[in-house]
Amino acid sequence: MPQRFLRLPAEAIPGIVLLLSAAAAMVIANSPWAEGYAALLKTEAFVGFGAAAIRMTLAEWVKNALMAVFFLFAGLELKRELLEGALADRRAAALPFAAAVGGMAVPALIFVVVAGAPYAHGWAIPAATDIAFALGVLALLGSRVPAALKAFLLAVAIIDDLGAILIVAFAYSGALHWDWLTVAGGVFALMLGLNRMQSGRLGLYLLLALPLWVAVQNSGVNPTMAGVLTAVAIPLRDRDGGAPLHAAEHGLRAYVLFLVMPVFALASAGASLTGGFGAALGHPVALGIAAGLALGKPIGITLVTLLTARLIGAPLPGKPIHIIGLGAMAGIGFTMSLFIGKLAFADPALATPVKLGVYMGSLAAALAGLLILSRTLPRRSARRVAAEHDETRPFIAEEPGRETGRTPF
């Protein structure tokens, strides 16, 4: 095996770990251990005592509790980018914001058209982007990718995350229980009070995050929103000049990339390839998801990016063909698409079509993006390319912790 192949870029490692986790889930789902693993995921576990105990299966704990940690991390990353990163400059942020909107709307429309009205509730499944996977695949191209293109894909994926957060909060929550919502509001108010005092004691925020999660879990709102609210409360700067938001994001990164997401993949990505596999592969839901990710993402992102750039006079981060390649990369939905698929369809009969659709669409998008960019990006280093295209600098994110003069919130 060539030594060059063994030197994988660091950015690619989380995506590879996710891929291995998904592969392991598929192997288990089609092995003699399939029934035992399914029974394990259905095992009930509880936290608390008596009537106050929260009882869920292990699969539900992964979906509702572990993914709340993922949304906390995603919320911290989004907040940092909005306050001092690539999205802090509103004019520079307009292009990736518009691209992300196009990249969510067109896949959703294609899904509804292909899958049909009976399955329209799953419209948001192909609207999401898996940041770790997308950046990991892009990293395989190494230094050939200019920093502006990387930053543009990151910005689009982060805004996609914001869209996914809003979708989960408003489209896939249950009946509301106002007593628990009031409790959640009270806990969140305490968190905001700490923020206004510019307290950088992360332990206090995380301690309050536990009752916040319990209240949100019982309120009817998707419990992962507790992670988002906690991220909103953690300040960028504290009164002592520290950076609690950066500390929290840095502290969570390894756990999210190498524990939370792989465990979610292990618990959610397995699909049996026997007994009705052909029917599941050709199911309208599977075809709608695959078409939304593989076709809708690049079409939506490319068309809206080019149109917006022309309307506002903003420079593109690369050539139009590069935008098509990045749009395809954004079609790697995987973790977020699987997560939304679980929320959209409670019918177990649709679990396999959802997973196969996510696999087909994400794989096709990854291969298309790699093929397009590998054939169109220059062979020389990205540093030289960046020097030749200095007009793309608005899309390059600032270094974490750089002072911007913004408020500590």
Protein backbone atom coordinates (compact mmCIF):
# COMPACT_ATOMS: atom_id res chain seq x y z
CA MET A 1 0.00 0.00 0.00
CA PRO A 2 1.51 3.37 -0.97
CA GLN A 3 2.84 5.40 1.94
CA ARG A 4 1.06 8.48 0.59
CA PHE A 5 -2.32 6.78 1.04
CA LEU A 6 -1.54 6.05 4.68
CA ARG A 7 -1.01 9.74 5.45
CA LEU A 8 -4.67 10.68 5.80
CA PRO A 9 -5.51 14.34 6.50
CA ALA A 10 -6.61 14.92 10.09
CA GLU A 11 -9.91 16.38 8.86
CA ALA A 12 -10.75 13.06 7.21
CA ILE A 13 -10.43 10.94 10.36
CA PRO A 14 -13.88 11.72 11.91
CA GLY A 15 -15.56 10.89 8.62
CA ILE A 16 -13.64 7.62 8.37
CA VAL A 17 -14.61 6.69 11.94
CA LEU A 18 -18.25 7.39 11.07
CA LEU A 19 -17.96 5.29 7.92
CA LEU A 20 -16.48 2.39 9.89
CA SER A 21 -19.26 2.69 12.49
CA ALA A 22 -21.92 2.60 9.79
CA ALA A 23 -20.21 -0.38 8.15
CA ALA A 24 -20.12 -2.18 11.51
CA ALA A 25 -23.84 -1.49 11.97
CA MET A 26 -24.56 -2.97 8.54
CA VAL A 27 -22.45 -6.05 9.27
CA ILE A 28 -24.21 -6.64 12.61
CA ALA A 29 -27.65 -6.13 11.02
CA ASN A 30 -26.88 -8.90 8.53
CA SER A 31 -25.14 -11.32 10.89
CA PRO A 32 -26.22 -13.98 13.40
CA TRP A 33 -26.00 -11.27 16.09
CA ALA A 34 -28.71 -9.13 14.48
CA GLU A 35 -31.55 -10.22 16.76
CA GLY A 36 -29.43 -9.92 19.89
CA TYR A 37 -28.27 -6.42 18.95
CA ALA A 38 -31.83 -5.34 18.16
CA ALA A 39 -32.93 -6.69 21.53
CA LEU A 40 -30.11 -4.78 23.22
CA LEU A 41 -31.24 -1.51 21.65
CA LYS A 42 -34.79 -2.19 22.87
CA THR A 43 -33.60 -2.79 26.44
CA GLU A 44 -35.21 -0.28 28.79
CA ALA A 45 -33.04 1.88 31.04
CA PHE A 46 -34.15 4.53 33.49
CA VAL A 47 -32.75 7.50 35.39
CA GLY A 48 -34.39 8.77 38.57
CA PHE A 49 -36.74 7.24 41.10
CA GLY A 50 -40.42 6.36 41.22
CA ALA A 51 -42.83 8.46 39.20
CA ALA A 52 -40.08 10.98 38.43
CA ALA A 53 -37.92 8.39 36.65
CA ILE A 54 -37.32 8.80 32.92
CA ARG A 55 -37.62 5.42 31.19
CA MET A 56 -36.50 4.88 27.60
CA THR A 57 -34.96 2.14 25.50
CA LEU A 58 -31.23 2.35 24.83
CA ALA A 59 -31.98 3.40 21.25
CA GLU A 60 -34.14 6.25 22.58
CA TRP A 61 -31.42 7.31 25.03
CA VAL A 62 -29.03 7.57 22.10
CA LYS A 63 -31.53 9.55 20.01
CA ASN A 64 -32.79 11.87 22.75
CA ALA A 65 -29.90 12.24 25.22
CA LEU A 66 -26.67 11.53 23.36
CA MET A 67 -27.80 13.57 20.35
CA ALA A 68 -28.57 16.47 22.69
CA VAL A 69 -24.80 16.60 23.27
CA PHE A 70 -24.31 16.68 19.50
CA PHE A 71 -26.73 19.60 19.18
CA LEU A 72 -24.94 21.39 22.04
CA PHE A 73 -21.70 21.10 20.08
CA ALA A 74 -23.37 22.15 16.82
CA GLY A 75 -24.95 25.13 18.59
CA LEU A 76 -21.60 26.23 20.03
CA GLU A 77 -19.96 25.95 16.61
CA LEU A 78 -22.75 27.92 14.97
CA LYS A 79 -22.69 30.63 17.65
CA ARG A 80 -18.91 31.06 17.33
CA GLU A 81 -19.14 31.40 13.57
CA LEU A 82 -21.96 33.97 13.89
CA LEU A 83 -20.09 36.08 16.45
CA GLU A 84 -16.51 36.01 15.22
CA GLY A 85 -16.10 33.56 12.36
CA ALA A 86 -16.97 33.31 8.69
CA LEU A 87 -20.60 34.32 9.33
CA ALA A 88 -19.81 37.38 11.46
CA ASP A 89 -19.52 39.63 8.39
CA ARG A 90 -23.16 39.82 7.30
CA ARG A 91 -22.31 40.65 3.69
CA ALA A 92 -19.86 37.76 3.45
CA ALA A 93 -22.38 35.48 5.17
CA ALA A 94 -25.13 36.32 2.66
CA LEU A 95 -23.76 33.98 -0.01
CA PRO A 96 -23.40 30.80 2.10
CA PHE A 97 -26.69 31.61 3.84
CA ALA A 98 -28.51 31.80 0.50
CA ALA A 99 -26.70 28.67 -0.69
CA ALA A 100 -27.80 26.77 2.41
CA VAL A 101 -31.42 27.84 1.94
CA GLY A 102 -31.33 26.64 -1.66
CA GLY A 103 -29.61 23.47 -0.51
CA MET A 104 -32.46 22.75 1.89
CA ALA A 105 -35.43 23.86 -0.21
CA VAL A 106 -34.65 22.06 -3.49
CA PRO A 107 -33.92 18.63 -1.90
CA ALA A 108 -37.12 18.92 0.15
CA LEU A 109 -39.10 19.72 -3.00
CA ILE A 110 -37.53 16.85 -4.94
CA PHE A 111 -38.29 14.45 -2.08
CA VAL A 112 -41.97 15.41 -2.01
CA VAL A 113 -42.25 15.08 -5.79
CA VAL A 114 -40.50 11.69 -5.94
CA ALA A 115 -41.84 10.13 -2.72
CA GLY A 116 -45.37 11.45 -3.11
CA ALA A 117 -47.92 12.98 -0.77
CA PRO A 118 -48.28 9.94 1.57
CA TYR A 119 -44.66 10.37 2.65
CA ALA A 120 -44.41 14.16 2.50
CA HIS A 121 -43.79 14.31 6.27
CA GLY A 122 -40.22 13.22 5.55
CA TRP A 123 -39.46 16.29 3.43
CA ALA A 124 -36.64 17.43 5.75
CA ILE A 125 -34.61 14.19 5.59
CA PRO A 126 -32.52 15.17 2.52
CA ALA A 127 -32.26 18.81 3.63
CA ALA A 128 -29.45 18.14 6.13
CA THR A 129 -25.66 17.95 5.75
CA ASP A 130 -23.27 15.87 7.85
CA ILE A 131 -20.44 18.33 8.58
CA ALA A 132 -17.92 15.71 9.73
CA PHE A 133 -18.50 13.49 6.70
CA ALA A 134 -18.57 16.33 4.16
CA LEU A 135 -15.38 17.98 5.43
CA GLY A 136 -13.76 14.58 5.81
CA VAL A 137 -14.39 13.70 2.17
CA LEU A 138 -13.22 17.16 1.05
CA ALA A 139 -10.03 16.69 3.10
CA LEU A 140 -9.12 13.69 0.94
CA LEU A 141 -8.19 16.21 -1.77
CA GLY A 142 -5.57 17.69 0.56
CA SER A 143 -3.87 21.00 -0.15
CA ARG A 144 -5.45 21.28 -3.59
CA VAL A 145 -8.59 22.72 -1.97
CA PRO A 146 -8.32 26.50 -1.41
CA ALA A 147 -9.16 27.76 2.07
CA ALA A 148 -12.04 29.80 0.64
CA LEU A 149 -13.77 26.67 -0.68
CA LYS A 150 -13.32 24.85 2.63
CA ALA A 151 -14.71 27.81 4.56
CA PHE A 152 -17.66 28.12 2.17
CA LEU A 153 -18.60 24.45 2.61
CA LEU A 154 -18.21 24.77 6.39
CA ALA A 155 -20.43 27.87 6.45
CA VAL A 156 -23.11 26.20 4.32
CA ALA A 157 -23.03 23.07 6.50
CA ILE A 158 -23.26 25.11 9.72
CA ILE A 159 -26.25 27.07 8.41
CA ASP A 160 -27.72 23.71 7.36
CA ASP A 161 -27.35 22.68 10.99
CA LEU A 162 -29.27 25.78 12.04
CA GLY A 163 -31.99 24.81 9.58
CA ALA A 164 -32.03 21.28 10.97
CA ILE A 165 -32.32 22.66 14.51
CA LEU A 166 -35.33 24.77 13.53
CA ILE A 167 -36.89 21.86 11.64
CA VAL A 168 -36.53 19.52 14.60
CA ALA A 169 -37.92 22.15 16.98
CA PHE A 170 -40.99 23.10 14.95
CA ALA A 171 -41.74 20.25 12.54
CA TYR A 172 -40.97 17.14 14.57
CA SER A 173 -42.00 17.93 18.13
CA GLY A 174 -45.06 16.42 19.82
CA ALA A 175 -48.02 17.86 21.71
CA LEU A 176 -46.87 20.60 24.06
CA HIS A 177 -47.15 20.39 27.85
CA TRP A 178 -47.09 23.96 29.09
CA ASP A 179 -46.24 23.11 32.70
CA TRP A 180 -42.97 21.52 31.65
CA LEU A 181 -42.35 24.27 29.10
CA THR A 182 -42.65 26.78 31.96
CA VAL A 183 -40.06 24.84 33.96
CA ALA A 184 -37.75 24.73 30.93
CA GLY A 185 -38.22 28.47 30.45
CA GLY A 186 -37.30 29.11 34.09
CA VAL A 187 -34.11 27.06 33.88
CA PHE A 188 -33.15 28.73 30.61
CA ALA A 189 -33.75 32.14 32.22
CA LEU A 190 -31.27 31.21 34.96
CA MET A 191 -28.75 30.30 32.27
CA LEU A 192 -29.27 33.63 30.52
CA GLY A 193 -28.81 35.36 33.88
CA LEU A 194 -25.40 33.73 34.20
CA ASN A 195 -24.65 34.86 30.66
CA ARG A 196 -25.58 38.47 31.44
CA MET A 197 -23.26 38.34 34.46
CA GLN A 198 -20.57 37.12 32.04
CA SER A 199 -19.98 34.05 34.15
CA GLY A 200 -17.50 31.69 32.56
CA ARG A 201 -18.10 28.78 34.95
CA LEU A 202 -18.97 26.05 32.47
CA GLY A 203 -19.84 23.66 35.28
CA LEU A 204 -22.84 25.81 36.23
CA TYR A 205 -24.19 25.85 32.68
CA LEU A 206 -23.76 22.09 32.31
CA LEU A 207 -25.33 21.48 35.73
CA LEU A 208 -28.39 23.50 34.71
CA ALA A 209 -28.44 21.69 31.36
CA LEU A 210 -29.55 18.49 33.13
CA PRO A 211 -32.87 19.81 34.55
CA LEU A 212 -33.33 21.75 31.30
CA TRP A 213 -33.08 18.50 29.34
CA VAL A 214 -35.55 16.77 31.69
CA ALA A 215 -38.03 19.63 31.33
CA VAL A 216 -37.71 19.77 27.54
CA GLN A 217 -37.97 15.96 27.35
CA ASN A 218 -41.32 16.10 29.18
CA SER A 219 -42.59 19.22 27.42
CA GLY A 220 -43.26 17.65 24.02
CA VAL A 221 -40.45 19.60 22.33
CA ASN A 222 -37.67 17.40 20.96
CA PRO A 223 -35.22 16.98 23.87
CA THR A 224 -32.18 17.69 21.71
CA MET A 225 -33.26 21.34 21.83
CA ALA A 226 -31.92 21.45 25.40
CA GLY A 227 -28.44 21.22 23.89
CA VAL A 228 -29.15 24.14 21.56
CA LEU A 229 -30.49 26.32 24.40
CA THR A 230 -27.42 25.54 26.50
CA ALA A 231 -25.18 26.63 23.61
CA VAL A 232 -27.13 29.89 23.33
CA ALA A 233 -26.53 30.59 27.03
CA ILE A 234 -22.76 29.93 27.16
CA PRO A 235 -21.00 33.29 26.60
CA LEU A 236 -18.30 33.95 24.05
CA ARG A 237 -16.30 35.97 26.62
CA ASP A 238 -16.48 36.07 30.40
CA ARG A 239 -15.75 38.96 32.74
CA ASP A 240 -12.19 37.73 33.31
CA GLY A 241 -11.35 37.77 29.61
CA GLY A 242 -11.70 34.01 29.21
CA ALA A 243 -13.41 32.27 26.31
CA PRO A 244 -15.89 29.76 27.79
CA LEU A 245 -17.59 29.10 24.45
CA HIS A 246 -14.28 28.10 22.87
CA ALA A 247 -13.40 25.99 25.90
CA ALA A 248 -16.73 24.14 25.76
CA GLU A 249 -16.50 23.58 22.01
CA HIS A 250 -12.91 22.37 22.25
CA GLY A 251 -13.72 20.10 25.19
CA LEU A 252 -16.68 18.50 23.42
CA ARG A 253 -15.16 18.08 19.97
CA ALA A 254 -13.40 14.74 20.47
CA TYR A 255 -16.34 13.26 22.42
CA VAL A 256 -18.83 14.27 19.74
CA LEU A 257 -16.74 13.20 16.75
CA PHE A 258 -15.40 9.96 18.19
CA LEU A 259 -18.10 8.86 20.63
CA VAL A 260 -21.50 10.49 20.12
CA MET A 261 -21.70 10.28 16.33
CA PRO A 262 -20.17 6.79 15.98
CA VAL A 263 -22.49 5.43 18.71
CA PHE A 264 -25.46 7.02 16.94
CA ALA A 265 -24.33 5.40 13.68
CA LEU A 266 -23.97 2.02 15.39
CA ALA A 267 -27.45 2.32 16.87
CA SER A 268 -29.18 3.74 13.80
CA ALA A 269 -27.39 2.84 10.56
CA GLY A 270 -27.91 -0.92 10.39
CA ALA A 271 -30.28 -2.20 7.69
CA SER A 272 -31.06 -5.80 6.76
CA LEU A 273 -30.20 -6.71 3.18
CA THR A 274 -32.39 -9.81 3.21
CA GLY A 275 -36.14 -10.19 2.91
CA GLY A 276 -37.62 -7.37 0.87
CA PHE A 277 -34.33 -5.60 0.17
CA GLY A 278 -35.25 -4.96 -3.46
CA ALA A 279 -38.61 -3.50 -2.48
CA ALA A 280 -36.96 -1.26 0.13
CA LEU A 281 -34.36 -0.11 -2.38
CA GLY A 282 -37.07 0.92 -4.84
CA HIS A 283 -39.40 2.35 -2.21
CA PRO A 284 -40.58 5.92 -2.93
CA VAL A 285 -39.07 7.10 0.36
CA ALA A 286 -35.64 5.65 -0.48
CA LEU A 287 -35.72 7.09 -4.01
CA GLY A 288 -36.93 10.48 -2.76
CA ILE A 289 -34.16 10.75 -0.17
CA ALA A 290 -31.46 9.61 -2.61
CA ALA A 291 -32.63 12.03 -5.31
CA GLY A 292 -32.89 14.88 -2.81
CA LEU A 293 -29.34 14.39 -1.53
CA ALA A 294 -27.56 13.50 -4.77
CA LEU A 295 -29.43 15.87 -7.11
CA GLY A 296 -31.27 18.42 -5.00
CA LYS A 297 -28.29 19.56 -2.96
CA PRO A 298 -25.93 20.43 -5.85
CA ILE A 299 -28.77 21.91 -7.92
CA GLY A 300 -30.12 24.05 -5.10
CA ILE A 301 -26.75 25.24 -3.81
CA THR A 302 -25.30 25.97 -7.25
CA LEU A 303 -28.28 27.84 -8.71
CA VAL A 304 -28.94 29.95 -5.62
CA THR A 305 -25.23 30.72 -5.11
CA LEU A 306 -24.74 31.90 -8.67
CA LEU A 307 -27.96 33.92 -8.63
CA THR A 308 -27.22 35.55 -5.27
CA ALA A 309 -23.63 36.38 -6.25
CA ARG A 310 -24.91 38.14 -9.35
CA LEU A 311 -27.63 40.03 -7.45
CA ILE A 312 -25.46 41.33 -4.59
CA GLY A 313 -22.16 41.51 -6.45
CA ALA A 314 -20.41 39.11 -4.07
CA PRO A 315 -17.33 37.19 -5.24
CA LEU A 316 -17.58 33.44 -5.61
CA PRO A 317 -15.23 31.31 -3.47
CA GLY A 318 -14.22 29.45 -6.63
CA LYS A 319 -15.29 28.69 -10.19
CA PRO A 320 -18.92 27.67 -10.87
CA ILE A 321 -17.81 24.07 -11.42
CA HIS A 322 -16.27 24.13 -7.93
CA ILE A 323 -19.60 25.27 -6.50
CA ILE A 324 -21.24 22.27 -8.16
CA GLY A 325 -18.64 20.01 -6.54
CA LEU A 326 -19.17 21.57 -3.13
CA GLY A 327 -22.92 21.31 -3.60
CA ALA A 328 -22.51 17.60 -4.19
CA MET A 329 -20.35 17.30 -1.06
CA ALA A 330 -23.14 18.98 0.92
CA GLY A 331 -25.38 16.13 -0.21
CA ILE A 332 -23.64 13.82 2.27
CA GLY A 333 -26.49 13.78 4.77
CA PHE A 334 -25.79 10.66 6.80
CA THR A 335 -25.98 11.41 10.57
CA MET A 336 -28.44 14.30 10.39
CA SER A 337 -30.54 12.64 7.68
CA LEU A 338 -30.76 9.40 9.69
CA PHE A 339 -31.67 11.39 12.80
CA ILE A 340 -34.45 13.34 11.07
CA GLY A 341 -35.63 10.13 9.41
CA LYS A 342 -36.19 8.58 12.85
CA LEU A 343 -38.26 11.61 13.85
CA ALA A 344 -40.23 11.79 10.61
CA PHE A 345 -41.36 8.17 10.33
CA ALA A 346 -42.36 6.13 13.37
CA ASP A 347 -43.45 3.19 11.17
CA PRO A 348 -40.76 0.45 11.47
CA ALA A 349 -41.54 -0.62 7.91
CA LEU A 350 -40.02 2.65 6.67
CA ALA A 351 -36.78 2.36 8.66
CA THR A 352 -34.92 0.38 6.00
CA PRO A 353 -36.05 2.54 3.02
CA VAL A 354 -34.93 5.65 4.96
CA LYS A 355 -31.50 4.18 5.69
CA LEU A 356 -30.98 2.89 2.15
CA GLY A 357 -32.03 6.23 0.71
CA VAL A 358 -29.55 8.06 2.94
CA TYR A 359 -26.80 5.60 1.98
CA MET A 360 -27.47 5.81 -1.76
CA GLY A 361 -27.79 9.59 -1.80
CA SER A 362 -24.79 10.27 0.46
CA LEU A 363 -22.54 7.84 -1.41
CA ALA A 364 -23.53 9.21 -4.82
CA ALA A 365 -23.04 12.78 -3.56
CA ALA A 366 -19.61 12.00 -2.10
CA LEU A 367 -18.39 10.28 -5.27
CA ALA A 368 -19.77 13.04 -7.52
CA GLY A 369 -18.18 15.77 -5.40
CA LEU A 370 -14.81 14.02 -5.32
CA LEU A 371 -14.88 13.37 -9.07
CA ILE A 372 -15.82 16.94 -9.98
CA LEU A 373 -13.33 18.63 -7.66
CA SER A 374 -10.46 16.21 -8.33
CA ARG A 375 -10.79 16.89 -12.07
CA THR A 376 -11.23 20.67 -11.84
CA LEU A 377 -9.08 21.87 -8.94
CA PRO A 378 -5.55 22.96 -9.85
CA ARG A 379 -2.70 20.59 -9.07
CA ARG A 380 -0.64 23.26 -7.28
CA SER A 381 -1.04 24.00 -3.59
CA ALA A 382 -4.05 25.78 -2.17
CA ARG A 383 -1.79 28.50 -0.69
CA ARG A 384 -0.72 29.58 -4.16
CA VAL A 385 -4.31 29.44 -5.39
CA ALA A 386 -5.46 31.61 -2.47
CA ALA A 387 -2.79 34.16 -3.29
CA GLU A 388 -4.03 34.32 -6.87
CA HIS A 389 -7.68 34.66 -5.81
CA ASP A 390 -7.49 37.10 -2.92
CA GLU A 391 -11.04 38.28 -3.63
CA THR A 392 -12.36 35.11 -2.01
CA ARG A 393 -10.94 36.03 1.40
CA PRO A 394 -14.34 37.05 2.87
CA PHE A 395 -15.20 33.35 3.09
CA ILE A 396 -12.12 32.38 5.13
CA ALA A 397 -13.06 31.93 8.79
CA GLU A 398 -11.18 33.82 11.46
CA GLU A 399 -9.01 31.91 13.90
CA PRO A 400 -10.87 30.87 17.06
CA GLY A 401 -10.42 33.32 19.87
CA ARG A 402 -9.55 36.27 17.68
CA GLU A 403 -10.76 39.52 19.18
CA THR A 404 -13.50 41.18 17.21
CA GLY A 405 -14.81 43.81 19.57
CA ARG A 406 -18.23 42.13 19.74
CA THR A 407 -20.32 41.73 22.86
CA PRO A 408 -19.58 38.83 25.24
CA PHE A 409 -22.90 37.13 24.37
